[in-house]
Amino acid sequence: MSAEEKKAAVRHFWQDHLNTGNADSVQERLRSRRRQPRPSQPHGSPGPKHLALITLYRTAFPDLTATVEDMVAEGDEVAYRLTFRGTNQGELMGMPATGST
């Protein structure tokens, strides 16, 4: 996979999967990207943990969107900077909704 294809996959995940709130789509994407963890990462699939976090935040911020601001790819690595936006309409980690963005 080329660097541009890797960048497109990252952008697709954040902007198409997360922004739609389609949990099935997110789960399928995470399942399809399994790879060997780096030495600093715990072993096992990150899919269920990522899906739980996405669900947690989309429950608190139903209009949550992620925008990829910057991205660079080199070899097998892709680094990116995101901006998240949303309105706090639900409880998050025991904190009540504020209604603010």
N, C-alpha and C. Protein backbone atom coordinates (compact mmCIF):
# COMPACT_ATOMS: atom_id res chain seq x y z
N MET A 1 0.86 -1.18 0.00
CA MET A 1 0.00 0.00 0.00
C MET A 1 0.90 1.23 0.00
N SER A 2 0.61 2.15 -0.90
CA SER A 2 1.42 3.37 -1.01
C SER A 2 1.12 4.33 0.14
N ALA A 3 1.98 5.31 0.30
CA ALA A 3 1.78 6.33 1.35
C ALA A 3 0.46 7.07 1.13
N GLU A 4 0.14 7.38 -0.11
CA GLU A 4 -1.12 8.08 -0.41
C GLU A 4 -2.34 7.22 -0.09
N GLU A 5 -2.24 5.92 -0.35
CA GLU A 5 -3.34 5.00 -0.02
C GLU A 5 -3.53 4.90 1.49
N LYS A 6 -2.44 4.90 2.22
CA LYS A 6 -2.51 4.85 3.69
C LYS A 6 -3.14 6.12 4.24
N LYS A 7 -2.76 7.25 3.68
CA LYS A 7 -3.36 8.52 4.11
C LYS A 7 -4.85 8.54 3.79
N ALA A 8 -5.22 8.03 2.63
CA ALA A 8 -6.64 7.99 2.26
C ALA A 8 -7.42 7.09 3.21
N ALA A 9 -6.84 5.98 3.65
CA ALA A 9 -7.51 5.07 4.58
C ALA A 9 -7.73 5.75 5.93
N VAL A 10 -6.74 6.50 6.41
CA VAL A 10 -6.89 7.22 7.68
C VAL A 10 -7.98 8.28 7.55
N ARG A 11 -7.92 9.05 6.49
CA ARG A 11 -8.93 10.09 6.26
C ARG A 11 -10.33 9.48 6.15
N HIS A 12 -10.44 8.37 5.45
CA HIS A 12 -11.73 7.68 5.30
C HIS A 12 -12.27 7.23 6.65
N PHE A 13 -11.40 6.67 7.49
CA PHE A 13 -11.85 6.23 8.81
C PHE A 13 -12.44 7.39 9.60
N TRP A 14 -11.70 8.46 9.73
CA TRP A 14 -12.17 9.57 10.57
C TRP A 14 -13.33 10.31 9.96
N GLN A 15 -13.23 10.68 8.70
CA GLN A 15 -14.24 11.54 8.11
C GLN A 15 -15.48 10.78 7.63
N ASP A 16 -15.33 9.55 7.22
CA ASP A 16 -16.50 8.82 6.73
C ASP A 16 -17.11 7.92 7.81
N HIS A 17 -16.28 7.23 8.56
CA HIS A 17 -16.82 6.30 9.56
C HIS A 17 -17.22 6.99 10.85
N LEU A 18 -16.31 7.71 11.46
CA LEU A 18 -16.63 8.34 12.75
C LEU A 18 -17.71 9.40 12.58
N ASN A 19 -17.59 10.22 11.57
CA ASN A 19 -18.52 11.33 11.41
C ASN A 19 -19.95 10.88 11.14
N THR A 20 -20.14 9.68 10.61
CA THR A 20 -21.49 9.19 10.35
C THR A 20 -22.11 8.56 11.59
N GLY A 21 -21.28 8.12 12.52
CA GLY A 21 -21.78 7.45 13.71
C GLY A 21 -22.24 6.03 13.44
N ASN A 22 -21.88 5.48 12.28
CA ASN A 22 -22.28 4.13 11.92
C ASN A 22 -21.35 3.13 12.60
N ALA A 23 -21.80 2.55 13.72
CA ALA A 23 -20.96 1.65 14.51
C ALA A 23 -20.56 0.41 13.71
N ASP A 24 -21.45 -0.11 12.88
CA ASP A 24 -21.11 -1.28 12.08
C ASP A 24 -19.99 -0.96 11.12
N SER A 25 -20.03 0.20 10.51
CA SER A 25 -19.00 0.62 9.58
C SER A 25 -17.66 0.78 10.30
N VAL A 26 -17.69 1.39 11.48
CA VAL A 26 -16.47 1.57 12.27
C VAL A 26 -15.89 0.22 12.66
N GLN A 27 -16.76 -0.67 13.13
CA GLN A 27 -16.30 -1.99 13.57
C GLN A 27 -15.68 -2.76 12.41
N GLU A 28 -16.30 -2.71 11.25
CA GLU A 28 -15.76 -3.41 10.08
C GLU A 28 -14.40 -2.84 9.69
N ARG A 29 -14.26 -1.52 9.74
CA ARG A 29 -12.98 -0.88 9.39
C ARG A 29 -11.90 -1.29 10.37
N LEU A 30 -12.21 -1.29 11.66
CA LEU A 30 -11.22 -1.67 12.65
C LEU A 30 -10.83 -3.14 12.50
N ARG A 31 -11.79 -3.97 12.21
CA ARG A 31 -11.53 -5.41 12.04
C ARG A 31 -10.62 -5.63 10.82
N SER A 32 -10.79 -4.85 9.77
CA SER A 32 -10.02 -5.05 8.55
C SER A 32 -8.59 -4.52 8.65
N ARG A 33 -8.28 -3.73 9.65
CA ARG A 33 -6.95 -3.13 9.72
C ARG A 33 -6.04 -3.77 10.77
N ARG A 34 -6.37 -4.95 11.21
CA ARG A 34 -5.52 -5.62 12.20
C ARG A 34 -4.10 -5.73 11.68
N ARG A 35 -3.17 -5.47 12.56
CA ARG A 35 -1.75 -5.55 12.22
C ARG A 35 -0.98 -5.89 13.47
N GLN A 36 0.29 -6.12 13.30
CA GLN A 36 1.13 -6.45 14.45
C GLN A 36 1.33 -5.20 15.30
N PRO A 37 1.17 -5.30 16.63
CA PRO A 37 1.40 -4.13 17.47
C PRO A 37 2.88 -3.78 17.55
N ARG A 38 3.15 -2.52 17.78
CA ARG A 38 4.53 -2.08 18.01
C ARG A 38 4.96 -2.57 19.39
N PRO A 39 6.27 -2.61 19.66
CA PRO A 39 6.73 -3.07 20.97
C PRO A 39 6.14 -2.28 22.14
N SER A 40 5.82 -0.99 21.93
CA SER A 40 5.29 -0.17 23.02
C SER A 40 3.79 -0.35 23.21
N GLN A 41 3.12 -1.08 22.30
CA GLN A 41 1.68 -1.25 22.38
C GLN A 41 1.34 -2.58 23.03
N PRO A 42 0.22 -2.62 23.77
CA PRO A 42 -0.21 -3.90 24.32
C PRO A 42 -0.66 -4.83 23.20
N HIS A 43 -0.58 -6.13 23.44
CA HIS A 43 -0.99 -7.10 22.43
C HIS A 43 -2.50 -7.19 22.36
N GLY A 44 -3.00 -7.63 21.23
CA GLY A 44 -4.44 -7.80 21.05
C GLY A 44 -4.98 -6.78 20.07
N SER A 45 -6.19 -7.03 19.63
CA SER A 45 -6.83 -6.15 18.66
C SER A 45 -7.31 -4.86 19.32
N PRO A 46 -7.03 -3.70 18.72
CA PRO A 46 -7.52 -2.44 19.28
C PRO A 46 -8.98 -2.19 18.97
N GLY A 47 -9.58 -2.99 18.08
CA GLY A 47 -10.94 -2.76 17.61
C GLY A 47 -11.98 -2.54 18.69
N PRO A 48 -12.20 -3.50 19.61
CA PRO A 48 -13.25 -3.32 20.62
C PRO A 48 -13.03 -2.10 21.51
N LYS A 49 -11.79 -1.82 21.86
CA LYS A 49 -11.50 -0.65 22.70
C LYS A 49 -11.81 0.64 21.96
N HIS A 50 -11.39 0.71 20.69
CA HIS A 50 -11.67 1.91 19.90
C HIS A 50 -13.17 2.09 19.69
N LEU A 51 -13.87 1.00 19.42
CA LEU A 51 -15.31 1.08 19.20
C LEU A 51 -16.02 1.55 20.47
N ALA A 52 -15.57 1.06 21.63
CA ALA A 52 -16.17 1.49 22.90
C ALA A 52 -15.95 2.98 23.13
N LEU A 53 -14.76 3.48 22.82
CA LEU A 53 -14.49 4.91 22.97
C LEU A 53 -15.32 5.75 22.01
N ILE A 54 -15.42 5.28 20.78
CA ILE A 54 -16.22 6.01 19.79
C ILE A 54 -17.67 6.07 20.25
N THR A 55 -18.20 4.95 20.74
CA THR A 55 -19.58 4.91 21.23
C THR A 55 -19.75 5.83 22.43
N LEU A 56 -18.80 5.82 23.36
CA LEU A 56 -18.85 6.67 24.55
C LEU A 56 -18.94 8.14 24.15
N TYR A 57 -18.07 8.57 23.26
CA TYR A 57 -18.05 9.98 22.86
C TYR A 57 -19.21 10.37 21.96
N ARG A 58 -19.66 9.45 21.09
CA ARG A 58 -20.80 9.79 20.23
C ARG A 58 -22.10 9.83 21.04
N THR A 59 -22.16 9.12 22.16
CA THR A 59 -23.32 9.22 23.04
C THR A 59 -23.36 10.58 23.72
N ALA A 60 -22.21 11.06 24.15
CA ALA A 60 -22.14 12.37 24.81
C ALA A 60 -22.20 13.52 23.80
N PHE A 61 -21.67 13.30 22.61
CA PHE A 61 -21.62 14.32 21.56
C PHE A 61 -22.23 13.71 20.28
N PRO A 62 -23.55 13.65 20.17
CA PRO A 62 -24.18 12.99 19.02
C PRO A 62 -23.83 13.60 17.67
N ASP A 63 -23.46 14.87 17.65
CA ASP A 63 -23.09 15.52 16.40
C ASP A 63 -21.57 15.59 16.21
N LEU A 64 -20.85 14.72 16.90
CA LEU A 64 -19.39 14.71 16.86
C LEU A 64 -18.86 14.55 15.44
N THR A 65 -17.91 15.40 15.09
CA THR A 65 -17.21 15.27 13.81
C THR A 65 -15.71 15.40 14.04
N ALA A 66 -14.97 14.72 13.20
CA ALA A 66 -13.51 14.80 13.23
C ALA A 66 -13.07 15.35 11.88
N THR A 67 -12.17 16.31 11.92
CA THR A 67 -11.60 16.88 10.70
C THR A 67 -10.11 16.63 10.71
N VAL A 68 -9.60 16.02 9.65
CA VAL A 68 -8.16 15.81 9.52
C VAL A 68 -7.55 17.13 9.07
N GLU A 69 -6.74 17.72 9.93
CA GLU A 69 -6.13 19.02 9.64
C GLU A 69 -4.80 18.89 8.90
N ASP A 70 -3.97 17.97 9.32
CA ASP A 70 -2.65 17.75 8.72
C ASP A 70 -2.38 16.26 8.69
N MET A 71 -1.59 15.83 7.69
CA MET A 71 -1.25 14.42 7.61
C MET A 71 0.05 14.27 6.85
N VAL A 72 0.88 13.33 7.33
CA VAL A 72 2.12 13.01 6.64
C VAL A 72 2.31 11.49 6.73
N ALA A 73 2.82 10.91 5.67
CA ALA A 73 3.07 9.46 5.64
C ALA A 73 4.48 9.21 5.15
N GLU A 74 5.12 8.25 5.79
CA GLU A 74 6.46 7.85 5.39
C GLU A 74 6.62 6.38 5.74
N GLY A 75 6.97 5.58 4.77
CA GLY A 75 7.09 4.14 5.01
C GLY A 75 5.76 3.57 5.47
N ASP A 76 5.78 2.85 6.58
CA ASP A 76 4.57 2.24 7.13
C ASP A 76 3.82 3.15 8.09
N GLU A 77 4.31 4.34 8.33
CA GLU A 77 3.74 5.23 9.35
C GLU A 77 2.91 6.35 8.73
N VAL A 78 1.82 6.69 9.41
CA VAL A 78 1.00 7.85 9.05
C VAL A 78 0.77 8.64 10.33
N ALA A 79 1.12 9.91 10.30
CA ALA A 79 0.89 10.79 11.45
C ALA A 79 -0.13 11.84 11.01
N TYR A 80 -1.03 12.20 11.92
CA TYR A 80 -2.07 13.16 11.56
C TYR A 80 -2.49 13.97 12.77
N ARG A 81 -3.09 15.12 12.48
CA ARG A 81 -3.62 16.01 13.52
C ARG A 81 -5.10 16.20 13.23
N LEU A 82 -5.91 16.00 14.26
CA LEU A 82 -7.36 16.08 14.13
C LEU A 82 -7.93 17.23 14.94
N THR A 83 -9.09 17.71 14.50
CA THR A 83 -9.91 18.62 15.30
C THR A 83 -11.26 17.94 15.47
N PHE A 84 -11.70 17.80 16.72
CA PHE A 84 -13.01 17.24 17.01
C PHE A 84 -13.95 18.38 17.37
N ARG A 85 -15.18 18.29 16.87
CA ARG A 85 -16.19 19.28 17.20
C ARG A 85 -17.49 18.56 17.52
N GLY A 86 -18.24 19.09 18.49
CA GLY A 86 -19.52 18.51 18.82
C GLY A 86 -20.17 19.26 19.97
N THR A 87 -21.44 18.98 20.19
CA THR A 87 -22.21 19.60 21.26
C THR A 87 -22.44 18.56 22.35
N ASN A 88 -22.07 18.90 23.58
CA ASN A 88 -22.19 17.98 24.70
C ASN A 88 -23.66 17.86 25.11
N GLN A 89 -24.32 16.80 24.60
CA GLN A 89 -25.74 16.61 24.84
C GLN A 89 -26.04 15.40 25.71
N GLY A 90 -25.01 14.70 26.17
CA GLY A 90 -25.20 13.52 27.01
C GLY A 90 -24.12 13.43 28.06
N GLU A 91 -24.34 12.58 29.04
CA GLU A 91 -23.37 12.39 30.12
C GLU A 91 -22.08 11.81 29.56
N LEU A 92 -20.96 12.24 30.12
CA LEU A 92 -19.66 11.72 29.72
C LEU A 92 -18.85 11.44 30.97
N MET A 93 -18.58 10.16 31.22
CA MET A 93 -17.77 9.73 32.36
C MET A 93 -18.28 10.32 33.67
N GLY A 94 -19.58 10.31 33.86
CA GLY A 94 -20.19 10.77 35.10
C GLY A 94 -20.47 12.26 35.15
N MET A 95 -20.03 13.00 34.14
CA MET A 95 -20.28 14.43 34.10
C MET A 95 -21.55 14.70 33.29
N PRO A 96 -22.45 15.52 33.80
CA PRO A 96 -23.69 15.79 33.08
C PRO A 96 -23.44 16.61 31.81
N ALA A 97 -24.39 16.52 30.89
CA ALA A 97 -24.31 17.29 29.64
C ALA A 97 -24.33 18.78 29.94
N THR A 98 -23.56 19.54 29.17
CA THR A 98 -23.51 20.99 29.34
C THR A 98 -24.30 21.74 28.27
N GLY A 99 -24.54 21.06 27.15
CA GLY A 99 -25.21 21.71 26.04
C GLY A 99 -24.31 22.62 25.24
N SER A 100 -23.06 22.70 25.63
CA SER A 100 -22.14 23.60 24.93
C SER A 100 -21.34 22.84 23.88
N THR A 101 -20.74 23.62 22.95
CA THR A 101 -19.95 23.01 21.88
C THR A 101 -18.48 23.07 22.23
